[in-house]
N, C-alpha and C. Protein backbone atom coordinates (compact mmCIF):
# COMPACT_ATOMS: atom_id res chain seq x y z
N MET A 1 26.62 34.45 -3.89
CA MET A 1 26.19 33.74 -5.08
C MET A 1 26.11 32.25 -4.81
N LYS A 2 27.10 31.71 -4.07
CA LYS A 2 27.09 30.28 -3.77
C LYS A 2 25.91 29.92 -2.89
N ILE A 3 25.57 30.82 -1.97
CA ILE A 3 24.44 30.56 -1.08
C ILE A 3 23.14 30.51 -1.88
N ASN A 4 23.00 31.42 -2.84
CA ASN A 4 21.80 31.42 -3.68
C ASN A 4 21.69 30.12 -4.48
N ASN A 5 22.81 29.67 -5.04
CA ASN A 5 22.81 28.42 -5.81
C ASN A 5 22.47 27.23 -4.92
N LEU A 6 23.05 27.23 -3.73
CA LEU A 6 22.79 26.15 -2.78
C LEU A 6 21.32 26.14 -2.36
N LEU A 7 20.78 27.31 -2.13
CA LEU A 7 19.38 27.44 -1.76
C LEU A 7 18.47 26.96 -2.89
N LEU A 8 18.79 27.34 -4.10
CA LEU A 8 18.00 26.93 -5.26
C LEU A 8 18.02 25.42 -5.45
N VAL A 9 19.19 24.82 -5.33
CA VAL A 9 19.31 23.37 -5.46
C VAL A 9 18.55 22.67 -4.34
N SER A 10 18.65 23.20 -3.13
CA SER A 10 17.94 22.61 -1.99
C SER A 10 16.43 22.65 -2.20
N ILE A 11 15.92 23.76 -2.67
CA ILE A 11 14.49 23.90 -2.93
C ILE A 11 14.04 22.91 -4.00
N LEU A 12 14.82 22.79 -5.06
CA LEU A 12 14.46 21.85 -6.13
C LEU A 12 14.45 20.41 -5.63
N LEU A 13 15.42 20.06 -4.80
CA LEU A 13 15.47 18.70 -4.27
C LEU A 13 14.31 18.43 -3.32
N LEU A 14 13.99 19.39 -2.48
CA LEU A 14 12.92 19.20 -1.51
C LEU A 14 11.54 19.17 -2.17
N THR A 15 11.36 19.89 -3.26
CA THR A 15 10.07 19.85 -3.94
C THR A 15 9.85 18.51 -4.62
N GLY A 16 10.91 17.79 -4.90
CA GLY A 16 10.78 16.46 -5.48
C GLY A 16 10.38 15.42 -4.46
N CYS A 17 10.54 15.72 -3.18
CA CYS A 17 10.16 14.79 -2.11
C CYS A 17 8.72 15.07 -1.71
N GLN A 18 7.80 14.29 -2.23
CA GLN A 18 6.39 14.49 -1.90
C GLN A 18 5.94 13.42 -0.93
N LEU A 19 5.22 13.84 0.08
CA LEU A 19 4.62 12.89 0.99
C LEU A 19 3.32 12.39 0.35
N PRO A 20 3.01 11.12 0.53
CA PRO A 20 1.77 10.62 -0.06
C PRO A 20 0.57 11.27 0.62
N ASP A 21 -0.51 11.43 -0.14
CA ASP A 21 -1.71 11.99 0.45
C ASP A 21 -2.31 10.98 1.43
N GLN A 22 -3.31 11.41 2.17
CA GLN A 22 -3.86 10.57 3.24
C GLN A 22 -4.45 9.27 2.70
N LYS A 23 -5.14 9.34 1.57
CA LYS A 23 -5.75 8.14 0.98
C LYS A 23 -4.67 7.13 0.58
N THR A 24 -3.61 7.60 -0.06
CA THR A 24 -2.51 6.72 -0.48
C THR A 24 -1.81 6.12 0.73
N HIS A 25 -1.55 6.95 1.73
CA HIS A 25 -0.88 6.47 2.95
C HIS A 25 -1.74 5.42 3.65
N GLN A 26 -3.05 5.69 3.74
CA GLN A 26 -3.96 4.73 4.37
C GLN A 26 -3.94 3.40 3.62
N GLN A 27 -4.00 3.47 2.29
CA GLN A 27 -3.98 2.25 1.49
C GLN A 27 -2.67 1.49 1.68
N GLN A 28 -1.55 2.19 1.68
CA GLN A 28 -0.26 1.53 1.86
C GLN A 28 -0.18 0.82 3.21
N GLU A 29 -0.65 1.47 4.27
CA GLU A 29 -0.61 0.86 5.60
C GLU A 29 -1.52 -0.36 5.67
N ILE A 30 -2.72 -0.26 5.10
CA ILE A 30 -3.64 -1.40 5.08
C ILE A 30 -3.04 -2.54 4.27
N CYS A 31 -2.44 -2.21 3.13
CA CYS A 31 -1.84 -3.24 2.27
C CYS A 31 -0.68 -3.94 2.97
N LYS A 32 0.16 -3.17 3.66
CA LYS A 32 1.28 -3.79 4.39
C LYS A 32 0.76 -4.73 5.48
N SER A 33 -0.28 -4.29 6.18
CA SER A 33 -0.85 -5.11 7.24
C SER A 33 -1.47 -6.39 6.67
N LEU A 34 -2.21 -6.26 5.57
CA LEU A 34 -2.80 -7.44 4.92
C LEU A 34 -1.72 -8.40 4.43
N ALA A 35 -0.67 -7.85 3.84
CA ALA A 35 0.41 -8.69 3.31
C ALA A 35 1.11 -9.44 4.44
N GLU A 36 1.36 -8.76 5.55
CA GLU A 36 2.01 -9.42 6.69
C GLU A 36 1.11 -10.52 7.26
N GLY A 37 -0.20 -10.26 7.31
CA GLY A 37 -1.13 -11.29 7.76
C GLY A 37 -1.16 -12.48 6.82
N TYR A 38 -1.16 -12.19 5.52
CA TYR A 38 -1.15 -13.28 4.53
C TYR A 38 0.12 -14.11 4.65
N LEU A 39 1.26 -13.45 4.78
CA LEU A 39 2.53 -14.18 4.92
C LEU A 39 2.55 -15.02 6.20
N LYS A 40 1.96 -14.49 7.26
CA LYS A 40 1.90 -15.24 8.52
C LYS A 40 1.03 -16.49 8.36
N ILE A 41 -0.11 -16.35 7.70
CA ILE A 41 -0.99 -17.49 7.46
C ILE A 41 -0.29 -18.55 6.62
N GLN A 42 0.55 -18.11 5.68
CA GLN A 42 1.26 -19.03 4.79
C GLN A 42 2.57 -19.54 5.41
N ASN A 43 2.78 -19.28 6.70
CA ASN A 43 4.01 -19.67 7.41
C ASN A 43 5.27 -19.11 6.75
N ARG A 44 5.20 -17.84 6.38
CA ARG A 44 6.34 -17.14 5.79
C ARG A 44 6.64 -15.88 6.60
N GLN A 45 6.69 -16.02 7.92
CA GLN A 45 6.91 -14.86 8.79
C GLN A 45 8.28 -14.24 8.61
N GLY A 46 9.25 -14.97 8.12
CA GLY A 46 10.61 -14.44 8.00
C GLY A 46 10.80 -13.49 6.83
N TYR A 47 9.80 -13.35 5.97
CA TYR A 47 9.93 -12.47 4.80
C TYR A 47 9.85 -11.02 5.23
N GLU A 48 10.63 -10.16 4.57
CA GLU A 48 10.66 -8.74 4.88
C GLU A 48 10.29 -7.93 3.64
N LEU A 49 9.63 -6.79 3.89
CA LEU A 49 9.26 -5.90 2.78
C LEU A 49 10.52 -5.39 2.12
N TRP A 50 10.65 -5.63 0.84
CA TRP A 50 11.83 -5.21 0.09
C TRP A 50 11.52 -3.99 -0.78
N LYS A 51 10.30 -3.99 -1.39
CA LYS A 51 9.97 -2.89 -2.28
C LYS A 51 8.46 -2.65 -2.25
N LEU A 52 8.07 -1.39 -2.24
CA LEU A 52 6.67 -0.99 -2.31
C LEU A 52 6.55 -0.03 -3.48
N LYS A 53 5.69 -0.35 -4.42
CA LYS A 53 5.61 0.44 -5.65
C LYS A 53 4.15 0.77 -5.94
N ASN A 54 3.85 2.06 -6.13
CA ASN A 54 2.50 2.49 -6.49
C ASN A 54 2.33 2.44 -8.00
N HIS A 55 1.21 1.89 -8.44
CA HIS A 55 0.87 1.89 -9.86
C HIS A 55 -0.27 2.87 -10.06
N ASN A 56 -0.15 3.73 -11.04
CA ASN A 56 -1.24 4.64 -11.36
C ASN A 56 -1.52 4.73 -12.85
N PRO A 57 -1.30 3.66 -13.62
CA PRO A 57 -1.72 3.73 -15.01
C PRO A 57 -3.24 3.79 -15.07
N GLN A 58 -3.76 4.16 -16.22
CA GLN A 58 -5.21 4.31 -16.35
C GLN A 58 -5.95 3.00 -16.12
N THR A 59 -5.32 1.88 -16.43
CA THR A 59 -6.00 0.60 -16.26
C THR A 59 -5.95 0.09 -14.84
N LYS A 60 -4.99 0.51 -14.04
CA LYS A 60 -4.83 0.00 -12.67
C LYS A 60 -4.74 1.17 -11.69
N THR A 61 -5.84 1.81 -11.42
CA THR A 61 -5.79 2.93 -10.49
C THR A 61 -5.73 2.41 -9.07
N ASP A 62 -5.03 3.12 -8.24
CA ASP A 62 -4.91 2.81 -6.82
C ASP A 62 -4.43 1.39 -6.56
N THR A 63 -3.36 0.98 -7.21
CA THR A 63 -2.78 -0.35 -7.00
C THR A 63 -1.38 -0.20 -6.42
N VAL A 64 -1.11 -0.97 -5.38
CA VAL A 64 0.20 -1.00 -4.74
C VAL A 64 0.78 -2.39 -4.94
N GLU A 65 2.03 -2.45 -5.40
CA GLU A 65 2.71 -3.74 -5.53
C GLU A 65 3.73 -3.85 -4.40
N LEU A 66 3.63 -4.94 -3.64
CA LEU A 66 4.53 -5.18 -2.51
C LEU A 66 5.38 -6.39 -2.83
N THR A 67 6.69 -6.23 -2.70
CA THR A 67 7.62 -7.34 -2.93
C THR A 67 8.28 -7.68 -1.60
N TYR A 68 8.12 -8.92 -1.19
CA TYR A 68 8.73 -9.42 0.04
C TYR A 68 9.80 -10.43 -0.31
N LYS A 69 10.93 -10.35 0.38
CA LYS A 69 12.02 -11.30 0.17
C LYS A 69 12.43 -11.89 1.51
N LYS A 70 12.88 -13.12 1.46
CA LYS A 70 13.38 -13.77 2.66
C LYS A 70 14.87 -13.45 2.78
N PRO A 71 15.30 -12.94 3.93
CA PRO A 71 16.72 -12.62 4.10
C PRO A 71 17.59 -13.86 3.99
N ASN A 72 18.84 -13.65 3.58
CA ASN A 72 19.77 -14.79 3.51
C ASN A 72 20.17 -15.20 4.93
N GLU A 73 21.03 -16.18 5.05
CA GLU A 73 21.39 -16.70 6.38
C GLU A 73 22.07 -15.66 7.26
N ASN A 74 22.60 -14.59 6.68
CA ASN A 74 23.22 -13.52 7.46
C ASN A 74 22.19 -12.48 7.90
N GLY A 75 20.93 -12.66 7.50
CA GLY A 75 19.89 -11.71 7.86
C GLY A 75 19.84 -10.50 6.95
N VAL A 76 20.47 -10.57 5.80
CA VAL A 76 20.52 -9.44 4.87
C VAL A 76 19.59 -9.70 3.70
N VAL A 77 18.76 -8.71 3.37
CA VAL A 77 17.90 -8.81 2.19
C VAL A 77 18.65 -8.15 1.05
N VAL A 78 19.00 -8.93 0.05
CA VAL A 78 19.72 -8.39 -1.10
C VAL A 78 18.82 -8.49 -2.32
N SER A 79 19.19 -7.80 -3.36
CA SER A 79 18.35 -7.77 -4.56
C SER A 79 18.54 -8.98 -5.46
N ALA A 80 19.35 -9.92 -5.04
CA ALA A 80 19.60 -11.10 -5.88
C ALA A 80 18.30 -11.86 -6.12
N SER A 81 18.13 -12.31 -7.34
CA SER A 81 16.91 -13.03 -7.69
C SER A 81 16.90 -14.44 -7.13
N LEU A 82 17.99 -14.87 -6.49
CA LEU A 82 18.06 -16.21 -5.92
C LEU A 82 17.28 -16.33 -4.61
N LEU A 83 17.03 -15.22 -3.95
CA LEU A 83 16.30 -15.26 -2.69
C LEU A 83 14.82 -15.55 -2.95
N PRO A 84 14.18 -16.32 -2.05
CA PRO A 84 12.74 -16.55 -2.19
C PRO A 84 11.99 -15.22 -2.15
N THR A 85 11.06 -15.04 -3.07
CA THR A 85 10.35 -13.77 -3.22
C THR A 85 8.85 -14.01 -3.29
N VAL A 86 8.08 -13.12 -2.67
CA VAL A 86 6.63 -13.13 -2.77
C VAL A 86 6.21 -11.74 -3.25
N VAL A 87 5.45 -11.70 -4.34
CA VAL A 87 4.95 -10.43 -4.87
C VAL A 87 3.44 -10.43 -4.69
N LEU A 88 2.93 -9.34 -4.10
CA LEU A 88 1.49 -9.19 -3.87
C LEU A 88 1.03 -7.87 -4.45
N GLU A 89 -0.19 -7.84 -4.97
CA GLU A 89 -0.80 -6.61 -5.45
C GLU A 89 -1.97 -6.27 -4.55
N CYS A 90 -2.12 -5.00 -4.27
CA CYS A 90 -3.18 -4.53 -3.39
C CYS A 90 -3.91 -3.42 -4.15
N THR A 91 -5.17 -3.67 -4.48
CA THR A 91 -5.93 -2.73 -5.30
C THR A 91 -7.11 -2.17 -4.52
N ARG A 92 -7.26 -0.85 -4.59
CA ARG A 92 -8.40 -0.20 -3.94
C ARG A 92 -9.47 0.09 -4.98
N LYS A 93 -10.68 -0.37 -4.69
CA LYS A 93 -11.84 -0.10 -5.54
C LYS A 93 -12.91 0.49 -4.64
N GLU A 94 -13.12 1.78 -4.72
CA GLU A 94 -14.05 2.51 -3.87
C GLU A 94 -13.77 2.22 -2.40
N GLN A 95 -14.65 1.53 -1.69
CA GLN A 95 -14.47 1.26 -0.26
C GLN A 95 -13.98 -0.16 -0.01
N GLN A 96 -13.29 -0.75 -0.97
CA GLN A 96 -12.84 -2.13 -0.87
C GLN A 96 -11.36 -2.22 -1.25
N ILE A 97 -10.59 -3.00 -0.49
CA ILE A 97 -9.19 -3.25 -0.83
C ILE A 97 -9.02 -4.74 -1.02
N VAL A 98 -8.46 -5.12 -2.18
CA VAL A 98 -8.29 -6.53 -2.53
C VAL A 98 -6.80 -6.84 -2.63
N MET A 99 -6.35 -7.86 -1.91
CA MET A 99 -4.97 -8.35 -1.98
C MET A 99 -4.97 -9.54 -2.92
N SER A 100 -4.08 -9.52 -3.90
CA SER A 100 -4.04 -10.61 -4.87
C SER A 100 -2.60 -10.96 -5.23
N ILE A 101 -2.46 -12.13 -5.84
CA ILE A 101 -1.15 -12.62 -6.29
C ILE A 101 -1.11 -12.51 -7.81
N PRO A 102 -0.22 -11.67 -8.35
CA PRO A 102 -0.13 -11.54 -9.81
C PRO A 102 0.42 -12.83 -10.44
N GLN A 103 -0.13 -13.17 -11.60
CA GLN A 103 0.30 -14.36 -12.34
C GLN A 103 1.10 -13.94 -13.57
N THR A 104 1.82 -14.86 -14.14
CA THR A 104 2.61 -14.56 -15.34
C THR A 104 1.70 -14.28 -16.53
N THR A 105 0.45 -14.72 -16.46
CA THR A 105 -0.50 -14.49 -17.56
C THR A 105 -1.02 -13.05 -17.56
N GLY A 106 -0.72 -12.30 -16.51
CA GLY A 106 -1.19 -10.92 -16.42
C GLY A 106 -2.40 -10.77 -15.52
N GLU A 107 -3.06 -11.87 -15.20
CA GLU A 107 -4.20 -11.82 -14.29
C GLU A 107 -3.72 -11.99 -12.86
N SER A 108 -4.61 -11.72 -11.92
CA SER A 108 -4.27 -11.85 -10.51
C SER A 108 -5.29 -12.74 -9.81
N ILE A 109 -4.81 -13.49 -8.82
CA ILE A 109 -5.69 -14.34 -8.02
C ILE A 109 -5.93 -13.64 -6.69
N PRO A 110 -7.19 -13.23 -6.40
CA PRO A 110 -7.47 -12.57 -5.12
C PRO A 110 -7.32 -13.54 -3.95
N VAL A 111 -6.68 -13.07 -2.86
CA VAL A 111 -6.49 -13.92 -1.69
C VAL A 111 -7.12 -13.32 -0.42
N LEU A 112 -7.21 -12.00 -0.33
CA LEU A 112 -7.83 -11.33 0.81
C LEU A 112 -8.62 -10.12 0.33
N GLU A 113 -9.67 -9.80 1.08
CA GLU A 113 -10.51 -8.67 0.71
C GLU A 113 -10.97 -7.96 1.98
N VAL A 114 -10.92 -6.63 1.97
CA VAL A 114 -11.29 -5.85 3.15
C VAL A 114 -12.21 -4.71 2.73
N GLN A 115 -13.26 -4.47 3.51
CA GLN A 115 -14.13 -3.33 3.30
C GLN A 115 -13.61 -2.18 4.16
N VAL A 116 -13.33 -1.04 3.53
CA VAL A 116 -12.82 0.13 4.23
C VAL A 116 -14.01 0.95 4.70
N PRO A 117 -14.04 1.35 5.98
CA PRO A 117 -15.16 2.16 6.46
C PRO A 117 -15.18 3.51 5.76
N PRO A 118 -16.36 4.10 5.67
CA PRO A 118 -16.44 5.42 5.03
C PRO A 118 -15.66 6.46 5.83
N THR A 119 -15.40 7.59 5.19
CA THR A 119 -14.65 8.66 5.85
C THR A 119 -15.44 9.20 7.04
N SER A 120 -14.77 9.94 7.89
CA SER A 120 -15.40 10.43 9.12
C SER A 120 -16.58 11.34 8.84
N THR A 121 -16.55 12.12 7.75
CA THR A 121 -17.68 12.99 7.45
C THR A 121 -18.90 12.17 7.07
N ASP A 122 -18.68 11.05 6.34
CA ASP A 122 -19.80 10.17 6.01
C ASP A 122 -20.35 9.53 7.27
N THR A 123 -19.49 9.14 8.19
CA THR A 123 -19.92 8.52 9.44
C THR A 123 -20.74 9.50 10.25
N GLN A 124 -20.30 10.76 10.30
CA GLN A 124 -21.05 11.76 11.04
C GLN A 124 -22.42 11.98 10.43
N LYS A 125 -22.52 11.99 9.10
CA LYS A 125 -23.80 12.14 8.43
C LYS A 125 -24.70 10.95 8.75
N ASN A 126 -24.13 9.74 8.71
CA ASN A 126 -24.91 8.54 9.01
C ASN A 126 -25.40 8.56 10.45
N LEU A 127 -24.54 8.97 11.40
CA LEU A 127 -24.96 9.06 12.80
C LEU A 127 -26.07 10.08 12.96
N GLY A 128 -25.99 11.17 12.21
CA GLY A 128 -27.04 12.18 12.25
C GLY A 128 -28.36 11.62 11.76
N LEU A 129 -28.33 10.83 10.70
CA LEU A 129 -29.54 10.21 10.18
C LEU A 129 -30.11 9.21 11.18
N VAL A 130 -29.26 8.45 11.83
CA VAL A 130 -29.71 7.49 12.84
C VAL A 130 -30.37 8.24 13.99
N ALA A 131 -29.75 9.33 14.44
CA ALA A 131 -30.30 10.11 15.53
C ALA A 131 -31.66 10.68 15.14
N GLN A 132 -31.79 11.19 13.92
CA GLN A 132 -33.06 11.73 13.46
C GLN A 132 -34.13 10.65 13.40
N THR A 133 -33.74 9.46 12.95
CA THR A 133 -34.69 8.37 12.84
C THR A 133 -35.19 7.96 14.22
N LYS A 134 -34.31 7.89 15.21
CA LYS A 134 -34.70 7.48 16.56
C LYS A 134 -35.58 8.54 17.22
N ILE A 135 -35.33 9.81 16.92
CA ILE A 135 -36.11 10.89 17.52
C ILE A 135 -37.53 10.86 16.98
N GLN A 136 -37.68 10.62 15.69
CA GLN A 136 -39.01 10.63 15.08
C GLN A 136 -39.75 9.41 15.53
């Protein structure tokens, strides 16, 4: 009986752990890379990723919020609000990813923009069209 209960609890816990789909994972990796590049350009290389949060409300689809904090003198990133913090938003719109800085007014100032290449099936279709065009 204990084994059955343990198994049931384990299954319930593991079903709650979902891996992000490929599109979400791709966006998160691109956003982290853009954020690190932005911080480097701003001479803030010492900042470390503290929190990554996905937003999926109806008004902000495919938005990732990245919070970076500068570690204290001991090299520890703590949740204290006294540490210097940089918050960035990364929004995907079709084949475009925009990195922006959220403002207290609710609007965001875009700072970086990247065009995401089409998926591999689209690329294969495009290569097929190019090949057909060259043959004709």
